[in-house]
Amino acid sequence: MRKIVVLDGYTLNPGDISWDAFAELGELIVHDRTEPKLVADRIADAEIVLTNKTVILRSDMEQAHKLEYIGILATGFNIVDLEAATANDIVVTNVASYGPEAVSQYAVALLLEVVSQVGLHSTAVLKGAWQTQEDFAFTLAPLIELKGKNCGIIGLGAIGKQTARVVQALGMKVYAHTTNPDPVLESDSLCFVDLPALYKNSDVIFLHCPLTAENERLINRDSIAQMRDGVIIINNARGGLIQEDDLAAALNSGKVYAAAVDVASSEPISPDNPLLKAKNIFITPHISWAAIETRARLMQMAAENLQAFLSGKELNRVN
């Protein structure tokens, strides 16, 4: 029976879903978390390793002489040295498109929080602010209607397309930028543009693209200068897409009206991250993907990847 080791299972499964699909495939050992210095020891005698964000280096693989398979419990695969895996005849798989609807839903929720300020007003009411008012209603921050506004979406994959559908339903016009524009999607409420046109025309900008060497720190002082005054920026893709000190400066100056992010350049977020002290910033802890339905789907898809491997087939291999 093959030994299956999970290096960082807690984030995917804090106890509300089941590991049974993997337990049926081998001797399963689940570690909630694994420090980098412990990786080599924990995978030393494993044939199969599963990881979400724990990095597996060449040196770790070279000490794991039985290792045949690394299953990444996420879409991004930069946490594994793919060249070293291939050199050591180790198959690496990932899980793609397990939750575009959930991630898009969260992105829109971030925008709605910025423009409707639900949390701010609910907290105020629960602390007694409404009871003391002379009028039937009060506001603590500007409320913004989205109908008629322009929405820029950078990246129109599965997540970006879902966000486009939602914001169009809210009455927004979409300016989309993607590497592979599909003319079939163009309409009176969606057009494909280059980045300068997107920056120029957008009242709201969503980042729905993967992080690459070409677009690292895409949102920076220069790109922000091309944007409309008072733009709103939403990022629940990757923290590295934003030069965070530049965004903080733009928030503090008012050039950017507000930003809402679910990711940071380093995670957990660094105590000295400039966004923590910026004006009109909303930050959540990388949970766009964390709906129970989404995590259960990811778990099942990862198990199917492993089942395919054990049957001599390839499913979602990335090396």
C-alpha atoms as a PDB file:
ATOM      1  CA  MET A   1       0.000   0.000   0.000  1.00  0.00           C
ATOM      2  CA  ARG A   2       1.397   3.360  -1.031  1.00  0.00           C
ATOM      3  CA  LYS A   3       2.069   5.965   1.649  1.00  0.00           C
ATOM      4  CA  ILE A   4       0.243   9.250   1.044  1.00  0.00           C
ATOM      5  CA  VAL A   5       1.459  12.314   2.953  1.00  0.00           C
ATOM      6  CA  VAL A   6      -0.438  15.597   3.099  1.00  0.00           C
ATOM      7  CA  LEU A   7       1.909  18.427   4.095  1.00  0.00           C
ATOM      8  CA  ASP A   8      -0.556  21.220   4.853  1.00  0.00           C
ATOM      9  CA  GLY A   9      -4.076  19.905   5.074  1.00  0.00           C
ATOM     10  CA  TYR A  10      -5.642  22.359   7.497  1.00  0.00           C
ATOM     11  CA  THR A  11      -6.395  25.195   5.071  1.00  0.00           C
ATOM     12  CA  LEU A  12      -8.220  22.909   2.653  1.00  0.00           C
ATOM     13  CA  ASN A  13      -9.863  20.874   5.382  1.00  0.00           C
ATOM     14  CA  PRO A  14     -10.082  22.337   8.896  1.00  0.00           C
ATOM     15  CA  GLY A  15     -12.422  19.486   9.770  1.00  0.00           C
ATOM     16  CA  ASP A  16     -15.608  20.158   7.823  1.00  0.00           C
ATOM     17  CA  ILE A  17     -14.958  17.890   4.814  1.00  0.00           C
ATOM     18  CA  SER A  18     -13.526  14.393   4.452  1.00  0.00           C
ATOM     19  CA  TRP A  19     -10.181  12.918   3.431  1.00  0.00           C
ATOM     20  CA  ASP A  20     -11.847   9.541   2.740  1.00  0.00           C
ATOM     21  CA  ALA A  21     -11.312   9.712  -1.028  1.00  0.00           C
ATOM     22  CA  PHE A  22      -7.548   9.652  -0.383  1.00  0.00           C
ATOM     23  CA  ALA A  23      -7.660   7.231   2.538  1.00  0.00           C
ATOM     24  CA  GLU A  24      -9.163   4.660   0.158  1.00  0.00           C
ATOM     25  CA  LEU A  25      -6.092   4.915  -2.073  1.00  0.00           C
ATOM     26  CA  GLY A  26      -3.325   4.281   0.423  1.00  0.00           C
ATOM     27  CA  GLU A  27      -1.940   4.781   3.914  1.00  0.00           C
ATOM     28  CA  LEU A  28      -2.887   8.410   4.578  1.00  0.00           C
ATOM     29  CA  ILE A  29      -0.988  10.734   6.912  1.00  0.00           C
ATOM     30  CA  VAL A  30      -2.298  14.298   7.196  1.00  0.00           C
ATOM     31  CA  HIS A  31      -0.194  17.102   8.658  1.00  0.00           C
ATOM     32  CA  ASP A  32      -2.049  20.342   9.301  1.00  0.00           C
ATOM     33  CA  ARG A  33       1.086  22.363   8.539  1.00  0.00           C
ATOM     34  CA  THR A  34       4.717  21.667   7.646  1.00  0.00           C
ATOM     35  CA  GLU A  35       7.628  24.031   8.187  1.00  0.00           C
ATOM     36  CA  PRO A  36      10.145  24.146   5.328  1.00  0.00           C
ATOM     37  CA  LYS A  37      12.832  22.430   7.395  1.00  0.00           C
ATOM     38  CA  LEU A  38      10.528  19.432   7.981  1.00  0.00           C
ATOM     39  CA  VAL A  39       9.493  18.781   4.369  1.00  0.00           C
ATOM     40  CA  ALA A  40      12.344  16.424   3.456  1.00  0.00           C
ATOM     41  CA  ASP A  41      11.842  14.309   6.571  1.00  0.00           C
ATOM     42  CA  ARG A  42       8.063  14.049   6.178  1.00  0.00           C
ATOM     43  CA  ILE A  43       8.181  12.956   2.540  1.00  0.00           C
ATOM     44  CA  ALA A  44      11.294  10.758   2.843  1.00  0.00           C
ATOM     45  CA  ASP A  45       9.452   7.422   2.627  1.00  0.00           C
ATOM     46  CA  ALA A  46       6.280   8.543   0.838  1.00  0.00           C
ATOM     47  CA  GLU A  47       5.259   7.489  -2.652  1.00  0.00           C
ATOM     48  CA  ILE A  48       2.629  10.216  -2.879  1.00  0.00           C
ATOM     49  CA  VAL A  49       2.718  13.750  -1.493  1.00  0.00           C
ATOM     50  CA  LEU A  50      -0.078  16.312  -1.456  1.00  0.00           C
ATOM     51  CA  THR A  51       0.577  20.003  -0.862  1.00  0.00           C
ATOM     52  CA  ASN A  52      -1.376  23.225  -1.040  1.00  0.00           C
ATOM     53  CA  LYS A  53       1.150  25.993  -0.398  1.00  0.00           C
ATOM     54  CA  THR A  54       4.086  24.165   1.199  1.00  0.00           C
ATOM     55  CA  VAL A  55       7.095  24.440  -1.124  1.00  0.00           C
ATOM     56  CA  ILE A  56       8.824  21.255  -2.306  1.00  0.00           C
ATOM     57  CA  LEU A  57      12.401  21.872  -3.439  1.00  0.00           C
ATOM     58  CA  ARG A  58      14.809  19.825  -5.531  1.00  0.00           C
ATOM     59  CA  SER A  59      16.732  18.930  -2.381  1.00  0.00           C
ATOM     60  CA  ASP A  60      13.557  17.598  -0.764  1.00  0.00           C
ATOM     61  CA  MET A  61      12.790  15.385  -3.768  1.00  0.00           C
ATOM     62  CA  GLU A  62      16.315  14.043  -3.996  1.00  0.00           C
ATOM     63  CA  GLN A  63      15.987  12.675  -0.468  1.00  0.00           C
ATOM     64  CA  ALA A  64      12.586  11.099  -1.184  1.00  0.00           C
ATOM     65  CA  HIS A  65      13.672   7.991  -3.074  1.00  0.00           C
ATOM     66  CA  LYS A  66      10.214   6.431  -3.221  1.00  0.00           C
ATOM     67  CA  LEU A  67       8.408   9.557  -4.365  1.00  0.00           C
ATOM     68  CA  GLU A  68       6.353   9.027  -7.529  1.00  0.00           C
ATOM     69  CA  TYR A  69       3.677  11.694  -7.426  1.00  0.00           C
ATOM     70  CA  ILE A  70       3.066  15.212  -6.092  1.00  0.00           C
ATOM     71  CA  GLY A  71      -0.524  16.401  -6.102  1.00  0.00           C
ATOM     72  CA  ILE A  72      -0.947  20.152  -5.705  1.00  0.00           C
ATOM     73  CA  LEU A  73      -4.175  20.967  -3.879  1.00  0.00           C
ATOM     74  CA  ALA A  74      -4.555  24.233  -5.786  1.00  0.00           C
ATOM     75  CA  THR A  75      -4.262  25.671  -9.285  1.00  0.00           C
ATOM     76  CA  GLY A  76      -0.890  27.425  -9.060  1.00  0.00           C
ATOM     77  CA  PHE A  77       2.116  25.112  -9.300  1.00  0.00           C
ATOM     78  CA  ASN A  78       5.060  27.429  -8.649  1.00  0.00           C
ATOM     79  CA  ILE A  79       5.504  25.839  -5.205  1.00  0.00           C
ATOM     80  CA  VAL A  80       7.065  22.738  -6.780  1.00  0.00           C
ATOM     81  CA  ASP A  81      10.354  22.631  -8.687  1.00  0.00           C
ATOM     82  CA  LEU A  82       8.898  21.098 -11.859  1.00  0.00           C
ATOM     83  CA  GLU A  83      12.268  20.676 -13.545  1.00  0.00           C
ATOM     84  CA  ALA A  84      13.556  18.708 -10.576  1.00  0.00           C
ATOM     85  CA  ALA A  85      10.367  16.645 -10.451  1.00  0.00           C
ATOM     86  CA  THR A  86      10.723  15.682 -14.103  1.00  0.00           C
ATOM     87  CA  ALA A  87      14.391  14.842 -13.625  1.00  0.00           C
ATOM     88  CA  ASN A  88      13.429  12.515 -10.774  1.00  0.00           C
ATOM     89  CA  ASP A  89      10.526  10.892 -12.683  1.00  0.00           C
ATOM     90  CA  ILE A  90       7.929  12.428 -10.371  1.00  0.00           C
ATOM     91  CA  VAL A  91       4.523  13.269 -11.807  1.00  0.00           C
ATOM     92  CA  VAL A  92       3.067  16.613 -10.662  1.00  0.00           C
ATOM     93  CA  THR A  93      -0.612  17.509 -11.017  1.00  0.00           C
ATOM     94  CA  ASN A  94      -2.746  20.481 -10.081  1.00  0.00           C
ATOM     95  CA  VAL A  95      -6.455  21.254  -9.780  1.00  0.00           C
ATOM     96  CA  ALA A  96      -7.696  23.868 -12.211  1.00  0.00           C
ATOM     97  CA  SER A  97     -11.121  25.492 -12.465  1.00  0.00           C
ATOM     98  CA  TYR A  98     -12.465  24.032  -9.240  1.00  0.00           C
ATOM     99  CA  GLY A  99     -14.201  27.235  -8.162  1.00  0.00           C
ATOM    100  CA  PRO A 100     -14.481  30.035 -10.736  1.00  0.00           C
ATOM    101  CA  GLU A 101     -18.003  30.841  -9.566  1.00  0.00           C
ATOM    102  CA  ALA A 102     -16.960  31.121  -5.917  1.00  0.00           C
ATOM    103  CA  VAL A 103     -13.905  33.259  -6.681  1.00  0.00           C
ATOM    104  CA  SER A 104     -15.935  35.540  -8.942  1.00  0.00           C
ATOM    105  CA  GLN A 105     -18.682  35.749  -6.312  1.00  0.00           C
ATOM    106  CA  TYR A 106     -16.111  36.856  -3.770  1.00  0.00           C
ATOM    107  CA  ALA A 107     -14.624  39.441  -6.125  1.00  0.00           C
ATOM    108  CA  VAL A 108     -18.055  40.955  -6.651  1.00  0.00           C
ATOM    109  CA  ALA A 109     -18.692  40.798  -2.898  1.00  0.00           C
ATOM    110  CA  LEU A 110     -15.538  42.869  -2.364  1.00  0.00           C
ATOM    111  CA  LEU A 111     -16.814  45.450  -4.837  1.00  0.00           C
ATOM    112  CA  LEU A 112     -20.270  45.533  -3.249  1.00  0.00           C
ATOM    113  CA  GLU A 113     -18.707  46.071   0.162  1.00  0.00           C
ATOM    114  CA  VAL A 114     -16.784  49.065  -1.194  1.00  0.00           C
ATOM    115  CA  VAL A 115     -19.800  50.670  -2.836  1.00  0.00           C
ATOM    116  CA  SER A 116     -22.530  49.702  -0.343  1.00  0.00           C
ATOM    117  CA  GLN A 117     -20.577  49.692   2.952  1.00  0.00           C
ATOM    118  CA  VAL A 118     -22.743  46.957   4.478  1.00  0.00           C
ATOM    119  CA  GLY A 119     -20.248  45.946   7.154  1.00  0.00           C
ATOM    120  CA  LEU A 120     -19.611  49.523   8.308  1.00  0.00           C
ATOM    121  CA  HIS A 121     -23.289  50.301   8.765  1.00  0.00           C
ATOM    122  CA  SER A 122     -24.215  46.969  10.308  1.00  0.00           C
ATOM    123  CA  THR A 123     -21.447  47.355  12.897  1.00  0.00           C
ATOM    124  CA  ALA A 124     -22.624  50.895  13.684  1.00  0.00           C
ATOM    125  CA  VAL A 125     -26.214  49.751  14.192  1.00  0.00           C
ATOM    126  CA  LEU A 126     -25.195  46.856  16.414  1.00  0.00           C
ATOM    127  CA  LYS A 127     -23.194  49.316  18.532  1.00  0.00           C
ATOM    128  CA  GLY A 128     -26.269  51.492  19.047  1.00  0.00           C
ATOM    129  CA  ALA A 129     -25.822  54.246  16.462  1.00  0.00           C
ATOM    130  CA  TRP A 130     -29.282  53.900  14.878  1.00  0.00           C
ATOM    131  CA  GLN A 131     -31.170  54.145  18.147  1.00  0.00           C
ATOM    132  CA  THR A 132     -29.779  57.615  18.746  1.00  0.00           C
ATOM    133  CA  GLN A 133     -30.583  59.058  15.307  1.00  0.00           C
ATOM    134  CA  GLU A 134     -33.228  61.734  14.778  1.00  0.00           C
ATOM    135  CA  ASP A 135     -33.906  60.499  11.222  1.00  0.00           C
ATOM    136  CA  PHE A 136     -35.005  57.104   9.926  1.00  0.00           C
ATOM    137  CA  ALA A 137     -31.709  56.599   8.041  1.00  0.00           C
ATOM    138  CA  PHE A 138     -28.079  57.675   8.231  1.00  0.00           C
ATOM    139  CA  THR A 139     -24.891  57.048   6.264  1.00  0.00           C
ATOM    140  CA  LEU A 140     -21.311  56.924   7.465  1.00  0.00           C
ATOM    141  CA  ALA A 141     -19.646  56.731   4.042  1.00  0.00           C
ATOM    142  CA  PRO A 142     -20.631  57.420   0.435  1.00  0.00           C
ATOM    143  CA  LEU A 143     -22.843  54.805  -1.227  1.00  0.00           C
ATOM    144  CA  ILE A 144     -22.283  54.263  -4.952  1.00  0.00           C
ATOM    145  CA  GLU A 145     -24.636  52.928  -7.621  1.00  0.00           C
ATOM    146  CA  LEU A 146     -22.921  50.661 -10.159  1.00  0.00           C
ATOM    147  CA  LYS A 147     -25.444  50.929 -12.988  1.00  0.00           C
ATOM    148  CA  GLY A 148     -23.929  52.893 -15.848  1.00  0.00           C
ATOM    149  CA  LYS A 149     -20.364  52.559 -14.574  1.00  0.00           C
ATOM    150  CA  ASN A 150     -17.530  51.011 -16.592  1.00  0.00           C
ATOM    151  CA  CYS A 151     -15.821  47.849 -15.384  1.00  0.00           C
ATOM    152  CA  GLY A 152     -12.341  46.815 -16.491  1.00  0.00           C
ATOM    153  CA  ILE A 153     -11.495  43.118 -16.183  1.00  0.00           C
ATOM    154  CA  ILE A 154      -7.886  42.066 -16.669  1.00  0.00           C
ATOM    155  CA  GLY A 155      -7.983  38.377 -17.507  1.00  0.00           C
ATOM    156  CA  LEU A 156     -11.081  36.823 -19.054  1.00  0.00           C
ATOM    157  CA  GLY A 157     -10.679  33.177 -18.190  1.00  0.00           C
ATOM    158  CA  ALA A 158     -13.373  31.224 -16.349  1.00  0.00           C
ATOM    159  CA  ILE A 159     -13.346  33.602 -13.366  1.00  0.00           C
ATOM    160  CA  GLY A 160     -13.208  36.769 -15.445  1.00  0.00           C
ATOM    161  CA  LYS A 161     -16.060  35.600 -17.662  1.00  0.00           C
ATOM    162  CA  GLN A 162     -18.232  34.893 -14.633  1.00  0.00           C
ATOM    163  CA  THR A 163     -17.468  38.321 -13.172  1.00  0.00           C
ATOM    164  CA  ALA A 164     -18.290  39.889 -16.533  1.00  0.00           C
ATOM    165  CA  ARG A 165     -21.690  38.208 -16.528  1.00  0.00           C
ATOM    166  CA  VAL A 166     -22.462  39.440 -13.024  1.00  0.00           C
ATOM    167  CA  VAL A 167     -21.404  43.055 -13.513  1.00  0.00           C
ATOM    168  CA  GLN A 168     -23.243  43.236 -16.822  1.00  0.00           C
ATOM    169  CA  ALA A 169     -26.366  42.123 -14.940  1.00  0.00           C
ATOM    170  CA  LEU A 170     -25.718  45.040 -12.568  1.00  0.00           C
ATOM    171  CA  GLY A 171     -25.816  47.427 -15.516  1.00  0.00           C
ATOM    172  CA  MET A 172     -22.079  47.928 -16.014  1.00  0.00           C
ATOM    173  CA  LYS A 173     -20.196  47.992 -19.303  1.00  0.00           C
ATOM    174  CA  VAL A 174     -17.165  45.691 -19.435  1.00  0.00           C
ATOM    175  CA  TYR A 175     -13.791  46.639 -20.905  1.00  0.00           C
ATOM    176  CA  ALA A 176     -11.905  43.346 -21.007  1.00  0.00           C
ATOM    177  CA  HIS A 177      -8.210  42.671 -21.562  1.00  0.00           C
ATOM    178  CA  THR A 178      -7.072  39.109 -22.160  1.00  0.00           C
ATOM    179  CA  THR A 179      -4.446  37.196 -24.106  1.00  0.00           C
ATOM    180  CA  ASN A 180      -7.049  35.340 -26.156  1.00  0.00           C
ATOM    181  CA  PRO A 181     -10.075  37.558 -26.831  1.00  0.00           C
ATOM    182  CA  ASP A 182     -13.168  35.732 -28.055  1.00  0.00           C
ATOM    183  CA  PRO A 183     -15.118  37.877 -30.558  1.00  0.00           C
ATOM    184  CA  VAL A 184     -18.251  35.860 -29.780  1.00  0.00           C
ATOM    185  CA  LEU A 185     -18.395  37.527 -26.352  1.00  0.00           C
ATOM    186  CA  GLU A 186     -18.395  41.062 -27.717  1.00  0.00           C
ATOM    187  CA  SER A 187     -21.636  42.993 -27.363  1.00  0.00           C
ATOM    188  CA  ASP A 188     -22.956  46.432 -26.540  1.00  0.00           C
ATOM    189  CA  SER A 189     -21.927  45.787 -22.931  1.00  0.00           C
ATOM    190  CA  LEU A 190     -18.554  44.047 -23.460  1.00  0.00           C
ATOM    191  CA  CYS A 191     -15.595  44.971 -25.616  1.00  0.00           C
ATOM    192  CA  PHE A 192     -11.966  43.867 -25.739  1.00  0.00           C
ATOM    193  CA  VAL A 193      -9.345  46.582 -25.328  1.00  0.00           C
ATOM    194  CA  ASP A 194      -5.656  47.045 -24.646  1.00  0.00           C
ATOM    195  CA  LEU A 195      -4.506  47.978 -21.166  1.00  0.00           C
ATOM    196  CA  PRO A 196      -4.202  51.748 -21.761  1.00  0.00           C
ATOM    197  CA  ALA A 197      -7.821  51.847 -22.965  1.00  0.00           C
ATOM    198  CA  LEU A 198      -8.944  49.753 -20.007  1.00  0.00           C
ATOM    199  CA  TYR A 199      -7.194  52.069 -17.549  1.00  0.00           C
ATOM    200  CA  LYS A 200      -8.612  55.159 -19.260  1.00  0.00           C
ATOM    201  CA  ASN A 201     -12.231  54.018 -19.331  1.00  0.00           C
ATOM    202  CA  SER A 202     -12.750  51.978 -16.160  1.00  0.00           C
ATOM    203  CA  ASP A 203     -14.452  53.124 -12.977  1.00  0.00           C
ATOM    204  CA  VAL A 204     -13.752  49.717 -11.428  1.00  0.00           C
ATOM    205  CA  ILE A 205     -10.885  47.343 -12.268  1.00  0.00           C
ATOM    206  CA  PHE A 206     -10.867  43.623 -11.426  1.00  0.00           C
ATOM    207  CA  LEU A 207      -7.662  41.585 -11.574  1.00  0.00           C
ATOM    208  CA  HIS A 208      -8.516  38.054 -12.731  1.00  0.00           C
ATOM    209  CA  CYS A 209      -5.239  37.048 -14.364  1.00  0.00           C
ATOM    210  CA  PRO A 210      -2.526  34.621 -13.258  1.00  0.00           C
ATOM    211  CA  LEU A 211       0.750  36.046 -11.978  1.00  0.00           C
ATOM    212  CA  THR A 212       3.536  35.788 -14.549  1.00  0.00           C
ATOM    213  CA  ALA A 213       6.974  37.299 -15.008  1.00  0.00           C
ATOM    214  CA  GLU A 214       5.441  39.641 -17.593  1.00  0.00           C
ATOM    215  CA  ASN A 215       2.662  41.066 -15.412  1.00  0.00           C
ATOM    216  CA  GLU A 216       4.300  41.112 -11.993  1.00  0.00           C
ATOM    217  CA  ARG A 217       3.451  44.446 -10.286  1.00  0.00           C
ATOM    218  CA  LEU A 218       1.182  45.325 -13.184  1.00  0.00           C
ATOM    219  CA  ILE A 219      -0.622  47.799 -10.958  1.00  0.00           C
ATOM    220  CA  ASN A 220       2.019  50.384 -10.143  1.00  0.00           C
ATOM    221  CA  ARG A 221       2.614  54.117 -10.134  1.00  0.00           C
ATOM    222  CA  ASP A 222       2.712  54.326 -13.938  1.00  0.00           C
ATOM    223  CA  SER A 223      -0.408  52.264 -14.609  1.00  0.00           C
ATOM    224  CA  ILE A 224      -2.335  54.004 -11.832  1.00  0.00           C
ATOM    225  CA  ALA A 225      -1.464  57.372 -13.390  1.00  0.00           C
ATOM    226  CA  GLN A 226      -3.300  56.248 -16.530  1.00  0.00           C
ATOM    227  CA  MET A 227      -6.474  55.420 -14.593  1.00  0.00           C
ATOM    228  CA  ARG A 228      -9.480  57.593 -13.924  1.00  0.00           C
ATOM    229  CA  ASP A 229      -9.432  59.645 -10.753  1.00  0.00           C
ATOM    230  CA  GLY A 230     -11.451  57.812  -8.114  1.00  0.00           C
ATOM    231  CA  VAL A 231     -11.049  54.351  -9.632  1.00  0.00           C
ATOM    232  CA  ILE A 232     -11.818  51.275  -7.508  1.00  0.00           C
ATOM    233  CA  ILE A 233      -9.401  48.313  -7.718  1.00  0.00           C
ATOM    234  CA  ILE A 234     -10.366  44.731  -6.797  1.00  0.00           C
ATOM    235  CA  ASN A 235      -7.748  41.973  -6.527  1.00  0.00           C
ATOM    236  CA  ASN A 236      -8.406  38.421  -5.421  1.00  0.00           C
ATOM    237  CA  ALA A 237      -6.019  36.871  -7.929  1.00  0.00           C
ATOM    238  CA  ARG A 238      -2.404  37.198  -6.721  1.00  0.00           C
ATOM    239  CA  GLY A 239      -0.784  39.803  -4.486  1.00  0.00           C
ATOM    240  CA  GLY A 240       2.240  40.080  -6.746  1.00  0.00           C
ATOM    241  CA  LEU A 241       0.138  41.767  -9.411  1.00  0.00           C
ATOM    242  CA  ILE A 242       0.253  44.968  -7.358  1.00  0.00           C
ATOM    243  CA  GLN A 243       3.133  47.195  -6.319  1.00  0.00           C
ATOM    244  CA  GLU A 244       1.658  47.681  -2.884  1.00  0.00           C
ATOM    245  CA  ASP A 245       3.462  50.857  -1.814  1.00  0.00           C
ATOM    246  CA  ASP A 246       2.349  52.537  -5.054  1.00  0.00           C
ATOM    247  CA  LEU A 247      -1.267  51.501  -4.451  1.00  0.00           C
ATOM    248  CA  ALA A 248      -1.088  52.703  -0.843  1.00  0.00           C
ATOM    249  CA  ALA A 249       0.191  56.083  -1.996  1.00  0.00           C
ATOM    250  CA  ALA A 250      -2.601  56.350  -4.571  1.00  0.00           C
ATOM    251  CA  LEU A 251      -5.216  55.482  -1.934  1.00  0.00           C
ATOM    252  CA  ASN A 252      -3.820  58.048   0.465  1.00  0.00           C
ATOM    253  CA  SER A 253      -3.798  60.745  -2.210  1.00  0.00           C
ATOM    254  CA  GLY A 254      -7.325  59.902  -3.377  1.00  0.00           C
ATOM    255  CA  LYS A 255      -6.253  59.021  -6.925  1.00  0.00           C
ATOM    256  CA  VAL A 256      -7.639  55.550  -6.192  1.00  0.00           C
ATOM    257  CA  TYR A 257     -10.934  55.886  -4.333  1.00  0.00           C
ATOM    258  CA  ALA A 258     -10.799  52.435  -2.762  1.00  0.00           C
ATOM    259  CA  ALA A 259      -9.199  49.038  -3.126  1.00  0.00           C
ATOM    260  CA  ALA A 260     -10.349  45.644  -1.918  1.00  0.00           C
ATOM    261  CA  VAL A 261      -7.892  42.756  -1.909  1.00  0.00           C
ATOM    262  CA  ASP A 262      -8.006  39.139  -0.776  1.00  0.00           C
ATOM    263  CA  VAL A 263      -4.318  38.544  -1.456  1.00  0.00           C
ATOM    264  CA  ALA A 264      -0.987  40.125  -0.555  1.00  0.00           C
ATOM    265  CA  SER A 265       2.568  40.002  -1.854  1.00  0.00           C
ATOM    266  CA  SER A 266       3.529  37.816   1.101  1.00  0.00           C
ATOM    267  CA  GLU A 267       1.060  35.645   2.979  1.00  0.00           C
ATOM    268  CA  PRO A 268       0.243  35.780   5.821  1.00  0.00           C
ATOM    269  CA  ILE A 269       0.438  39.515   5.259  1.00  0.00           C
ATOM    270  CA  SER A 270       3.575  41.220   6.557  1.00  0.00           C
ATOM    271  CA  PRO A 271       3.043  43.587   9.505  1.00  0.00           C
ATOM    272  CA  ASP A 272       4.779  46.346   7.550  1.00  0.00           C
ATOM    273  CA  ASN A 273       2.697  45.958   4.402  1.00  0.00           C
ATOM    274  CA  PRO A 274       1.857  49.563   3.409  1.00  0.00           C
ATOM    275  CA  LEU A 275      -1.733  48.660   2.541  1.00  0.00           C
ATOM    276  CA  LEU A 276      -2.512  47.977   6.196  1.00  0.00           C
ATOM    277  CA  LYS A 277      -2.335  51.710   6.933  1.00  0.00           C
ATOM    278  CA  ALA A 278      -3.747  53.026   3.664  1.00  0.00           C
ATOM    279  CA  LYS A 279      -7.025  54.931   3.372  1.00  0.00           C
ATOM    280  CA  ASN A 280     -10.172  53.188   2.160  1.00  0.00           C
ATOM    281  CA  ILE A 281      -8.610  49.741   1.900  1.00  0.00           C
ATOM    282  CA  PHE A 282     -10.455  46.463   2.432  1.00  0.00           C
ATOM    283  CA  ILE A 283      -8.309  43.363   3.063  1.00  0.00           C
ATOM    284  CA  THR A 284      -9.403  39.770   3.621  1.00  0.00           C
ATOM    285  CA  PRO A 285      -7.142  36.722   4.235  1.00  0.00           C
ATOM    286  CA  HIS A 286      -7.068  34.833   0.899  1.00  0.00           C
ATOM    287  CA  ILE A 287     -10.456  33.171   1.334  1.00  0.00           C
ATOM    288  CA  SER A 288     -12.103  33.649  -2.077  1.00  0.00           C
ATOM    289  CA  TRP A 289     -11.699  29.922  -2.689  1.00  0.00           C
ATOM    290  CA  ALA A 290     -12.761  28.768   0.778  1.00  0.00           C
ATOM    291  CA  ALA A 291     -16.505  28.104   0.476  1.00  0.00           C
ATOM    292  CA  ILE A 292     -17.177  24.585   1.749  1.00  0.00           C
ATOM    293  CA  GLU A 293     -18.663  23.537  -1.587  1.00  0.00           C
ATOM    294  CA  THR A 294     -15.571  24.789  -3.412  1.00  0.00           C
ATOM    295  CA  ARG A 295     -13.138  23.030  -1.083  1.00  0.00           C
ATOM    296  CA  ALA A 296     -15.078  19.768  -1.307  1.00  0.00           C
ATOM    297  CA  ARG A 297     -14.956  20.008  -5.103  1.00  0.00           C
ATOM    298  CA  LEU A 298     -11.206  20.661  -5.005  1.00  0.00           C
ATOM    299  CA  MET A 299     -10.711  17.635  -2.739  1.00  0.00           C
ATOM    300  CA  GLN A 300     -12.676  15.382  -5.094  1.00  0.00           C
ATOM    301  CA  MET A 301     -10.863  16.626  -8.192  1.00  0.00           C
ATOM    302  CA  ALA A 302      -7.471  16.116  -6.521  1.00  0.00           C
ATOM    303  CA  ALA A 303      -8.494  12.564  -5.600  1.00  0.00           C
ATOM    304  CA  GLU A 304      -9.518  11.936  -9.208  1.00  0.00           C
ATOM    305  CA  ASN A 305      -6.078  13.130 -10.341  1.00  0.00           C
ATOM    306  CA  LEU A 306      -4.452  10.576  -8.046  1.00  0.00           C
ATOM    307  CA  GLN A 307      -6.857   7.805  -9.045  1.00  0.00           C
ATOM    308  CA  ALA A 308      -5.963   8.430 -12.678  1.00  0.00           C
ATOM    309  CA  PHE A 309      -2.238   8.276 -11.888  1.00  0.00           C
ATOM    310  CA  LEU A 310      -2.617   4.992 -10.007  1.00  0.00           C
ATOM    311  CA  SER A 311      -4.510   3.606 -13.015  1.00  0.00           C
ATOM    312  CA  GLY A 312      -1.649   4.471 -15.342  1.00  0.00           C
ATOM    313  CA  LYS A 313      -3.326   7.532 -16.814  1.00  0.00           C
ATOM    314  CA  GLU A 314      -2.503  11.250 -16.762  1.00  0.00           C
ATOM    315  CA  LEU A 315      -4.982  13.858 -15.574  1.00  0.00           C
ATOM    316  CA  ASN A 316      -4.045  17.513 -15.059  1.00  0.00           C
ATOM    317  CA  ARG A 317      -0.308  16.813 -15.185  1.00  0.00           C
ATOM    318  CA  VAL A 318       1.752  20.033 -15.193  1.00  0.00           C
ATOM    319  CA  ASN A 319       5.297  18.715 -15.796  1.00  0.00           C
END
